[in-house]
PDB file of all heavy atoms in Angstrom:
ATOM      1  N   LEU A   1     -80.594 -29.932  16.624  1.00  0.00           N
ATOM      2  CA  LEU A   1     -81.139 -29.399  15.369  1.00  0.00           C
ATOM      3  C   LEU A   1     -81.891 -28.095  15.617  1.00  0.00           C
ATOM      4  O   LEU A   1     -81.737 -27.125  14.864  1.00  0.00           O
ATOM      5  CB  LEU A   1     -82.064 -30.431  14.732  1.00  0.00           C
ATOM      6  CG  LEU A   1     -82.795 -29.993  13.458  1.00  0.00           C
ATOM      7  CD1 LEU A   1     -81.812 -29.784  12.322  1.00  0.00           C
ATOM      8  CD2 LEU A   1     -83.857 -31.020  13.068  1.00  0.00           C
ATOM      9  N   MET A   2     -82.703 -28.067  16.678  1.00  0.00           N
ATOM     10  CA  MET A   2     -83.455 -26.861  16.983  1.00  0.00           C
ATOM     11  C   MET A   2     -82.527 -25.712  17.377  1.00  0.00           C
ATOM     12  O   MET A   2     -82.784 -24.547  17.044  1.00  0.00           O
ATOM     13  CB  MET A   2     -84.452 -27.143  18.113  1.00  0.00           C
ATOM     14  CG  MET A   2     -85.520 -28.165  17.760  1.00  0.00           C
ATOM     15  SD  MET A   2     -86.678 -28.519  19.107  1.00  0.00           S
ATOM     16  CE  MET A   2     -87.643 -26.999  19.107  1.00  0.00           C
ATOM     17  N   THR A   3     -81.442 -26.033  18.080  1.00  0.00           N
ATOM     18  CA  THR A   3     -80.463 -25.002  18.440  1.00  0.00           C
ATOM     19  C   THR A   3     -79.814 -24.419  17.197  1.00  0.00           C
ATOM     20  O   THR A   3     -79.673 -23.191  17.059  1.00  0.00           O
ATOM     21  CB  THR A   3     -79.387 -25.599  19.364  1.00  0.00           C
ATOM     22  OG1 THR A   3     -80.008 -26.071  20.567  1.00  0.00           O
ATOM     23  CG2 THR A   3     -78.322 -24.566  19.710  1.00  0.00           C
ATOM     24  N   ALA A   4     -79.413 -25.283  16.270  1.00  0.00           N
ATOM     25  CA  ALA A   4     -78.786 -24.812  15.031  1.00  0.00           C
ATOM     26  C   ALA A   4     -79.745 -23.922  14.243  1.00  0.00           C
ATOM     27  O   ALA A   4     -79.346 -22.877  13.712  1.00  0.00           O
ATOM     28  CB  ALA A   4     -78.337 -26.004  14.186  1.00  0.00           C
ATOM     29  N   ALA A   5     -81.010 -24.334  14.160  1.00  0.00           N
ATOM     30  CA  ALA A   5     -81.984 -23.550  13.390  1.00  0.00           C
ATOM     31  C   ALA A   5     -82.248 -22.194  14.046  1.00  0.00           C
ATOM     32  O   ALA A   5     -82.307 -21.164  13.367  1.00  0.00           O
ATOM     33  CB  ALA A   5     -83.282 -24.343  13.256  1.00  0.00           C
ATOM     34  N   ALA A   6     -82.399 -22.185  15.380  1.00  0.00           N
ATOM     35  CA  ALA A   6     -82.713 -20.937  16.076  1.00  0.00           C
ATOM     36  C   ALA A   6     -81.525 -19.983  16.067  1.00  0.00           C
ATOM     37  O   ALA A   6     -81.672 -18.790  15.755  1.00  0.00           O
ATOM     38  CB  ALA A   6     -83.142 -21.240  17.511  1.00  0.00           C
ATOM     39  N   ALA A   7     -80.357 -20.479  16.404  1.00  0.00           N
ATOM     40  CA  ALA A   7     -79.173 -19.619  16.430  1.00  0.00           C
ATOM     41  C   ALA A   7     -78.800 -19.150  15.026  1.00  0.00           C
ATOM     42  O   ALA A   7     -78.297 -18.038  14.848  1.00  0.00           O
ATOM     43  CB  ALA A   7     -77.998 -20.359  17.069  1.00  0.00           C
ATOM     44  N   GLY A   8     -79.074 -19.995  14.026  1.00  0.00           N
ATOM     45  CA  GLY A   8     -78.752 -19.621  12.653  1.00  0.00           C
ATOM     46  C   GLY A   8     -79.580 -18.469  12.122  1.00  0.00           C
ATOM     47  O   GLY A   8     -79.208 -17.841  11.132  1.00  0.00           O
ATOM     48  N   ARG A   9     -80.709 -18.164  12.762  1.00  0.00           N
ATOM     49  CA  ARG A   9     -81.541 -17.051  12.321  1.00  0.00           C
ATOM     50  C   ARG A   9     -81.002 -15.702  12.809  1.00  0.00           C
ATOM     51  O   ARG A   9     -81.385 -14.660  12.285  1.00  0.00           O
ATOM     52  CB  ARG A   9     -82.978 -17.229  12.800  1.00  0.00           C
ATOM     53  CG  ARG A   9     -83.736 -18.319  12.056  1.00  0.00           C
ATOM     54  CD  ARG A   9     -85.238 -18.124  12.254  1.00  0.00           C
ATOM     55  NE  ARG A   9     -85.570 -18.154  13.670  1.00  0.00           N
ATOM     56  CZ  ARG A   9     -85.867 -19.255  14.348  1.00  0.00           C
ATOM     57  NH1 ARG A   9     -85.870 -20.426  13.714  1.00  0.00           N
ATOM     58  NH2 ARG A   9     -86.167 -19.205  15.622  1.00  0.00           N
ATOM     59  N   VAL A  10     -80.159 -15.723  13.834  1.00  0.00           N
ATOM     60  CA  VAL A  10     -79.659 -14.458  14.394  1.00  0.00           C
ATOM     61  C   VAL A  10     -78.154 -14.287  14.233  1.00  0.00           C
ATOM     62  O   VAL A  10     -77.626 -13.216  14.552  1.00  0.00           O
ATOM     63  CB  VAL A  10     -80.025 -14.351  15.896  1.00  0.00           C
ATOM     64  CG1 VAL A  10     -81.527 -14.356  16.078  1.00  0.00           C
ATOM     65  CG2 VAL A  10     -79.381 -15.472  16.704  1.00  0.00           C
ATOM     66  N   ALA A  11     -77.457 -15.328  13.754  1.00  0.00           N
ATOM     67  CA  ALA A  11     -75.999 -15.228  13.622  1.00  0.00           C
ATOM     68  C   ALA A  11     -75.513 -16.223  12.581  1.00  0.00           C
ATOM     69  O   ALA A  11     -76.195 -17.197  12.242  1.00  0.00           O
ATOM     70  CB  ALA A  11     -75.313 -15.491  14.961  1.00  0.00           C
ATOM     71  N   GLU A  12     -74.323 -15.984  12.078  1.00  0.00           N
ATOM     72  CA  GLU A  12     -73.699 -16.867  11.098  1.00  0.00           C
ATOM     73  C   GLU A  12     -73.123 -18.086  11.805  1.00  0.00           C
ATOM     74  O   GLU A  12     -72.385 -17.948  12.788  1.00  0.00           O
ATOM     75  CB  GLU A  12     -72.578 -16.122  10.359  1.00  0.00           C
ATOM     76  CG  GLU A  12     -71.938 -16.906   9.235  1.00  0.00           C
ATOM     77  CD  GLU A  12     -72.877 -17.106   8.058  1.00  0.00           C
ATOM     78  OE1 GLU A  12     -73.814 -16.289   7.889  1.00  0.00           O
ATOM     79  OE2 GLU A  12     -72.663 -18.086   7.313  1.00  0.00           O
ATOM     80  N   PRO A  13     -73.459 -19.310  11.354  1.00  0.00           N
ATOM     81  CA  PRO A  13     -72.897 -20.507  11.996  1.00  0.00           C
ATOM     82  C   PRO A  13     -71.369 -20.455  12.045  1.00  0.00           C
ATOM     83  O   PRO A  13     -70.717 -20.087  11.082  1.00  0.00           O
ATOM     84  CB  PRO A  13     -73.381 -21.648  11.098  1.00  0.00           C
ATOM     85  CG  PRO A  13     -74.651 -21.117  10.492  1.00  0.00           C
ATOM     86  CD  PRO A  13     -74.418 -19.653  10.292  1.00  0.00           C
ATOM     87  N   GLY A  14     -70.823 -20.816  13.199  1.00  0.00           N
ATOM     88  CA  GLY A  14     -69.379 -20.799  13.388  1.00  0.00           C
ATOM     89  C   GLY A  14     -68.848 -19.500  13.946  1.00  0.00           C
ATOM     90  O   GLY A  14     -67.680 -19.434  14.351  1.00  0.00           O
ATOM     91  N   SER A  15     -69.660 -18.461  13.993  1.00  0.00           N
ATOM     92  CA  SER A  15     -69.206 -17.168  14.479  1.00  0.00           C
ATOM     93  C   SER A  15     -69.356 -17.095  16.000  1.00  0.00           C
ATOM     94  O   SER A  15     -70.111 -17.860  16.609  1.00  0.00           O
ATOM     95  CB  SER A  15     -70.019 -16.042  13.831  1.00  0.00           C
ATOM     96  OG  SER A  15     -71.375 -16.118  14.249  1.00  0.00           O
ATOM     97  N   PRO A  16     -68.636 -16.176  16.660  1.00  0.00           N
ATOM     98  CA  PRO A  16     -68.822 -15.992  18.108  1.00  0.00           C
ATOM     99  C   PRO A  16     -70.260 -15.638  18.474  1.00  0.00           C
ATOM    100  O   PRO A  16     -70.748 -16.030  19.539  1.00  0.00           O
ATOM    101  CB  PRO A  16     -67.860 -14.838  18.433  1.00  0.00           C
ATOM    102  CG  PRO A  16     -66.823 -14.879  17.354  1.00  0.00           C
ATOM    103  CD  PRO A  16     -67.550 -15.338  16.133  1.00  0.00           C
ATOM    104  N   GLU A  17     -70.939 -14.904  17.597  1.00  0.00           N
ATOM    105  CA  GLU A  17     -72.338 -14.550  17.857  1.00  0.00           C
ATOM    106  C   GLU A  17     -73.231 -15.782  17.874  1.00  0.00           C
ATOM    107  O   GLU A  17     -74.210 -15.855  18.623  1.00  0.00           O
ATOM    108  CB  GLU A  17     -72.844 -13.548  16.812  1.00  0.00           C
ATOM    109  CG  GLU A  17     -72.206 -12.162  16.896  1.00  0.00           C
ATOM    110  CD  GLU A  17     -70.805 -12.133  16.313  1.00  0.00           C
ATOM    111  OE1 GLU A  17     -70.435 -13.111  15.608  1.00  0.00           O
ATOM    112  OE2 GLU A  17     -70.084 -11.159  16.552  1.00  0.00           O
ATOM    113  N   PHE A  18     -72.895 -16.767  17.018  1.00  0.00           N
ATOM    114  CA  PHE A  18     -73.658 -18.011  16.969  1.00  0.00           C
ATOM    115  C   PHE A  18     -73.494 -18.764  18.290  1.00  0.00           C
ATOM    116  O   PHE A  18     -74.478 -19.272  18.856  1.00  0.00           O
ATOM    117  CB  PHE A  18     -73.169 -18.862  15.799  1.00  0.00           C
ATOM    118  CG  PHE A  18     -73.997 -20.103  15.546  1.00  0.00           C
ATOM    119  CD1 PHE A  18     -75.053 -20.073  14.656  1.00  0.00           C
ATOM    120  CD2 PHE A  18     -73.718 -21.291  16.188  1.00  0.00           C
ATOM    121  CE1 PHE A  18     -75.816 -21.204  14.417  1.00  0.00           C
ATOM    122  CE2 PHE A  18     -74.475 -22.430  15.960  1.00  0.00           C
ATOM    123  CZ  PHE A  18     -75.525 -22.383  15.072  1.00  0.00           C
ATOM    124  N   VAL A  19     -72.263 -18.847  18.789  1.00  0.00           N
ATOM    125  CA  VAL A  19     -72.007 -19.508  20.072  1.00  0.00           C
ATOM    126  C   VAL A  19     -72.743 -18.779  21.187  1.00  0.00           C
ATOM    127  O   VAL A  19     -73.342 -19.406  22.080  1.00  0.00           O
ATOM    128  CB  VAL A  19     -70.492 -19.561  20.355  1.00  0.00           C
ATOM    129  CG1 VAL A  19     -70.233 -20.151  21.739  1.00  0.00           C
ATOM    130  CG2 VAL A  19     -69.773 -20.382  19.291  1.00  0.00           C
ATOM    131  N   ALA A  20     -72.727 -17.440  21.141  1.00  0.00           N
ATOM    132  CA  ALA A  20     -73.430 -16.652  22.156  1.00  0.00           C
ATOM    133  C   ALA A  20     -74.927 -16.915  22.116  1.00  0.00           C
ATOM    134  O   ALA A  20     -75.593 -16.985  23.164  1.00  0.00           O
ATOM    135  CB  ALA A  20     -73.145 -15.166  21.952  1.00  0.00           C
ATOM    136  N   ALA A  21     -75.490 -17.076  20.914  1.00  0.00           N
ATOM    137  CA  ALA A  21     -76.918 -17.366  20.792  1.00  0.00           C
ATOM    138  C   ALA A  21     -77.256 -18.723  21.402  1.00  0.00           C
ATOM    139  O   ALA A  21     -78.304 -18.895  22.035  1.00  0.00           O
ATOM    140  CB  ALA A  21     -77.337 -17.319  19.322  1.00  0.00           C
ATOM    141  N   ALA A  22     -76.374 -19.714  21.222  1.00  0.00           N
ATOM    142  CA  ALA A  22     -76.605 -21.044  21.811  1.00  0.00           C
ATOM    143  C   ALA A  22     -76.611 -20.963  23.334  1.00  0.00           C
ATOM    144  O   ALA A  22     -77.416 -21.635  24.000  1.00  0.00           O
ATOM    145  CB  ALA A  22     -75.538 -22.016  21.328  1.00  0.00           C
ATOM    146  N   LEU A  23     -75.722 -20.148  23.909  1.00  0.00           N
ATOM    147  CA  LEU A  23     -75.701 -19.970  25.360  1.00  0.00           C
ATOM    148  C   LEU A  23     -77.000 -19.322  25.845  1.00  0.00           C
ATOM    149  O   LEU A  23     -77.569 -19.733  26.873  1.00  0.00           O
ATOM    150  CB  LEU A  23     -74.504 -19.113  25.770  1.00  0.00           C
ATOM    151  CG  LEU A  23     -73.107 -19.678  25.510  1.00  0.00           C
ATOM    152  CD1 LEU A  23     -72.046 -18.671  25.919  1.00  0.00           C
ATOM    153  CD2 LEU A  23     -72.902 -20.981  26.263  1.00  0.00           C
ATOM    154  N   VAL A  24     -77.476 -18.315  25.115  1.00  0.00           N
ATOM    155  CA  VAL A  24     -78.728 -17.657  25.499  1.00  0.00           C
ATOM    156  C   VAL A  24     -79.900 -18.631  25.413  1.00  0.00           C
ATOM    157  O   VAL A  24     -80.793 -18.632  26.280  1.00  0.00           O
ATOM    158  CB  VAL A  24     -78.968 -16.415  24.621  1.00  0.00           C
ATOM    159  CG1 VAL A  24     -80.367 -15.851  24.840  1.00  0.00           C
ATOM    160  CG2 VAL A  24     -77.923 -15.343  24.920  1.00  0.00           C
ATOM    161  N   LEU A  25     -79.915 -19.463  24.388  1.00  0.00           N
ATOM    162  CA  LEU A  25     -80.980 -20.464  24.264  1.00  0.00           C
ATOM    163  C   LEU A  25     -80.980 -21.402  25.470  1.00  0.00           C
ATOM    164  O   LEU A  25     -82.048 -21.740  26.006  1.00  0.00           O
ATOM    165  CB  LEU A  25     -80.801 -21.269  22.976  1.00  0.00           C
ATOM    166  CG  LEU A  25     -81.250 -20.600  21.676  1.00  0.00           C
ATOM    167  CD1 LEU A  25     -80.770 -21.420  20.479  1.00  0.00           C
ATOM    168  CD2 LEU A  25     -82.768 -20.460  21.637  1.00  0.00           C
ATOM    169  N   ALA A  26     -79.792 -21.844  25.900  1.00  0.00           N
ATOM    170  CA  ALA A  26     -79.714 -22.729  27.068  1.00  0.00           C
ATOM    171  C   ALA A  26     -80.210 -22.016  28.313  1.00  0.00           C
ATOM    172  O   ALA A  26     -80.968 -22.593  29.121  1.00  0.00           O
ATOM    173  CB  ALA A  26     -78.271 -23.204  27.260  1.00  0.00           C
ATOM    174  N   LEU A  27     -79.807 -20.752  28.482  1.00  0.00           N
ATOM    175  CA  LEU A  27     -80.227 -20.007  29.667  1.00  0.00           C
ATOM    176  C   LEU A  27     -81.734 -19.766  29.677  1.00  0.00           C
ATOM    177  O   LEU A  27     -82.404 -19.988  30.696  1.00  0.00           O
ATOM    178  CB  LEU A  27     -79.483 -18.669  29.719  1.00  0.00           C
ATOM    179  CG  LEU A  27     -79.843 -17.749  30.891  1.00  0.00           C
ATOM    180  CD1 LEU A  27     -79.510 -18.417  32.214  1.00  0.00           C
ATOM    181  CD2 LEU A  27     -79.130 -16.409  30.764  1.00  0.00           C
ATOM    182  N   LEU A  28     -82.288 -19.322  28.546  1.00  0.00           N
ATOM    183  CA  LEU A  28     -83.723 -19.034  28.492  1.00  0.00           C
ATOM    184  C   LEU A  28     -84.555 -20.302  28.676  1.00  0.00           C
ATOM    185  O   LEU A  28     -85.536 -20.308  29.436  1.00  0.00           O
ATOM    186  CB  LEU A  28     -84.066 -18.368  27.159  1.00  0.00           C
ATOM    187  CG  LEU A  28     -83.586 -16.926  26.957  1.00  0.00           C
ATOM    188  CD1 LEU A  28     -83.954 -16.436  25.570  1.00  0.00           C
ATOM    189  CD2 LEU A  28     -84.189 -16.015  28.018  1.00  0.00           C
ATOM    190  N   SER A  29     -84.189 -21.365  27.982  1.00  0.00           N
ATOM    191  CA  SER A  29     -84.964 -22.609  28.120  1.00  0.00           C
ATOM    192  C   SER A  29     -84.846 -23.145  29.537  1.00  0.00           C
ATOM    193  O   SER A  29     -85.831 -23.643  30.109  1.00  0.00           O
ATOM    194  CB  SER A  29     -84.498 -23.646  27.096  1.00  0.00           C
ATOM    195  OG  SER A  29     -83.140 -23.983  27.280  1.00  0.00           O
ATOM    196  N   GLY A  30     -83.643 -23.032  30.145  1.00  0.00           N
ATOM    197  CA  GLY A  30     -83.490 -23.483  31.520  1.00  0.00           C
ATOM    198  C   GLY A  30     -84.317 -22.666  32.490  1.00  0.00           C
ATOM    199  O   GLY A  30     -84.950 -23.212  33.406  1.00  0.00           O
TER     200      GLY A  30
END
């Protein structure tokens, strides 16, 4: 849920940019 909310603020859900934001979230949190 937190990933969807955070990535949704910088990209449209379902778009390549949204997927890229999820990867960045995983990298930064890790």
